[in-house]
Amino acid sequence: MDTLTLFGLFAVSLMLVTYALEDRNRVFILGFALACALGSIYGFLQGAWPFGVVEAIWSVVAVRRWAKRADRGAPV
C-alpha cells in the first residue's frame, strides 16, 4: 500500500468512526467534518475530483450541523 492509499484509508475510517459517535457529543460532528475534508483532499490527490467535491460539500454540511447543535445549547 502506498502513502496516498493509507491516507485515504485513514480518512474514510475516521469518517466512519466519527459518524457512528455523532449522537454522543457534538465534537464528533466536527470530527466528521474534518474527516470529510481529509476525504476531499484524498479524492483530489488521487484524481477523483467528483469524490473530492462531494466530500467537500459533506464537510460544509457537517460544520453547519455542528453549529446548529451549538445553537440548541447541546454540550460541546
C-alpha atoms as a PDB file:
ATOM      1  CA  MET A   1       0.000   0.000   0.000  1.00  0.00           C
ATOM      2  CA  ASP A   2       1.352   3.416  -0.883  1.00  0.00           C
ATOM      3  CA  THR A   3       1.156   6.538   1.276  1.00  0.00           C
ATOM      4  CA  LEU A   4      -1.794   8.027  -0.606  1.00  0.00           C
ATOM      5  CA  THR A   5      -3.849   4.852  -0.164  1.00  0.00           C
ATOM      6  CA  LEU A   6      -3.053   4.785   3.560  1.00  0.00           C
ATOM      7  CA  PHE A   7      -4.109   8.426   3.828  1.00  0.00           C
ATOM      8  CA  GLY A   8      -7.415   7.604   2.107  1.00  0.00           C
ATOM      9  CA  LEU A   9      -7.970   4.606   4.354  1.00  0.00           C
ATOM     10  CA  PHE A  10      -7.349   6.785   7.407  1.00  0.00           C
ATOM     11  CA  ALA A  11      -9.743   9.498   6.187  1.00  0.00           C
ATOM     12  CA  VAL A  12     -12.569   7.074   5.396  1.00  0.00           C
ATOM     13  CA  SER A  13     -12.065   5.142   8.653  1.00  0.00           C
ATOM     14  CA  LEU A  14     -12.182   8.394  10.616  1.00  0.00           C
ATOM     15  CA  MET A  15     -15.407   9.318   8.810  1.00  0.00           C
ATOM     16  CA  LEU A  16     -16.961   6.007   9.808  1.00  0.00           C
ATOM     17  CA  VAL A  17     -15.962   6.263  13.473  1.00  0.00           C
ATOM     18  CA  THR A  18     -16.953   9.901  13.945  1.00  0.00           C
ATOM     19  CA  TYR A  19     -20.274   9.395  12.129  1.00  0.00           C
ATOM     20  CA  ALA A  20     -21.091   6.450  14.381  1.00  0.00           C
ATOM     21  CA  LEU A  21     -20.369   8.544  17.503  1.00  0.00           C
ATOM     22  CA  GLU A  22     -22.173  11.763  16.498  1.00  0.00           C
ATOM     23  CA  ASP A  23     -25.050  11.233  18.943  1.00  0.00           C
ATOM     24  CA  ARG A  24     -22.691  11.029  21.910  1.00  0.00           C
ATOM     25  CA  ASN A  25     -21.228  14.508  21.640  1.00  0.00           C
ATOM     26  CA  ARG A  26     -21.266  17.276  19.067  1.00  0.00           C
ATOM     27  CA  VAL A  27     -17.472  17.249  18.899  1.00  0.00           C
ATOM     28  CA  PHE A  28     -17.843  14.078  16.815  1.00  0.00           C
ATOM     29  CA  ILE A  29     -19.831  16.070  14.257  1.00  0.00           C
ATOM     30  CA  LEU A  30     -16.879  18.423  13.976  1.00  0.00           C
ATOM     31  CA  GLY A  31     -14.596  15.396  13.727  1.00  0.00           C
ATOM     32  CA  PHE A  32     -16.775  14.085  10.909  1.00  0.00           C
ATOM     33  CA  ALA A  33     -16.412  17.429   9.125  1.00  0.00           C
ATOM     34  CA  LEU A  34     -12.640  17.198   9.451  1.00  0.00           C
ATOM     35  CA  ALA A  35     -12.662  13.607   8.207  1.00  0.00           C
ATOM     36  CA  CYS A  36     -14.755  14.639   5.190  1.00  0.00           C
ATOM     37  CA  ALA A  37     -12.266  17.415   4.449  1.00  0.00           C
ATOM     38  CA  LEU A  38      -9.462  14.845   4.575  1.00  0.00           C
ATOM     39  CA  GLY A  39     -11.502  12.604   2.289  1.00  0.00           C
ATOM     40  CA  SER A  40     -11.911  15.511  -0.097  1.00  0.00           C
ATOM     41  CA  ILE A  41      -8.173  16.109  -0.157  1.00  0.00           C
ATOM     42  CA  TYR A  42      -7.650  12.426  -0.827  1.00  0.00           C
ATOM     43  CA  GLY A  43     -10.129  12.491  -3.698  1.00  0.00           C
ATOM     44  CA  PHE A  44      -8.410  15.412  -5.372  1.00  0.00           C
ATOM     45  CA  LEU A  45      -4.925  13.950  -4.818  1.00  0.00           C
ATOM     46  CA  GLN A  46      -5.847  10.642  -6.404  1.00  0.00           C
ATOM     47  CA  GLY A  47      -7.535  12.336  -9.348  1.00  0.00           C
ATOM     48  CA  ALA A  48     -11.134  11.513  -8.473  1.00  0.00           C
ATOM     49  CA  TRP A  49     -12.341  15.105  -8.416  1.00  0.00           C
ATOM     50  CA  PRO A  50     -16.078  14.233  -8.191  1.00  0.00           C
ATOM     51  CA  PHE A  51     -15.337  12.384  -4.935  1.00  0.00           C
ATOM     52  CA  GLY A  52     -13.303  15.385  -3.755  1.00  0.00           C
ATOM     53  CA  VAL A  53     -16.155  17.785  -4.496  1.00  0.00           C
ATOM     54  CA  VAL A  54     -18.801  15.654  -2.780  1.00  0.00           C
ATOM     55  CA  GLU A  55     -16.655  15.170   0.310  1.00  0.00           C
ATOM     56  CA  ALA A  56     -16.006  18.933   0.474  1.00  0.00           C
ATOM     57  CA  ILE A  57     -19.766  19.516   0.402  1.00  0.00           C
ATOM     58  CA  TRP A  58     -20.289  16.926   3.151  1.00  0.00           C
ATOM     59  CA  SER A  59     -17.680  18.736   5.222  1.00  0.00           C
ATOM     60  CA  VAL A  60     -19.595  22.022   4.936  1.00  0.00           C
ATOM     61  CA  VAL A  61     -22.879  20.259   5.770  1.00  0.00           C
ATOM     62  CA  ALA A  62     -21.311  18.721   8.880  1.00  0.00           C
ATOM     63  CA  VAL A  63     -19.903  22.061  10.074  1.00  0.00           C
ATOM     64  CA  ARG A  64     -23.373  23.572   9.689  1.00  0.00           C
ATOM     65  CA  ARG A  65     -24.913  20.692  11.696  1.00  0.00           C
ATOM     66  CA  TRP A  66     -22.252  21.192  14.379  1.00  0.00           C
ATOM     67  CA  ALA A  67     -23.028  24.917  14.595  1.00  0.00           C
ATOM     68  CA  LYS A  68     -26.766  24.294  14.597  1.00  0.00           C
ATOM     69  CA  ARG A  69     -26.455  21.878  17.504  1.00  0.00           C
ATOM     70  CA  ALA A  70     -24.460  24.527  19.401  1.00  0.00           C
ATOM     71  CA  ASP A  71     -27.355  26.960  18.949  1.00  0.00           C
ATOM     72  CA  ARG A  72     -29.635  24.484  20.715  1.00  0.00           C
ATOM     73  CA  GLY A  73     -27.372  24.501  23.752  1.00  0.00           C
ATOM     74  CA  ALA A  74     -26.010  20.998  23.294  1.00  0.00           C
ATOM     75  CA  PRO A  75     -22.799  20.251  25.159  1.00  0.00           C
ATOM     76  CA  VAL A  76     -19.547  20.679  23.268  1.00  0.00           C
END
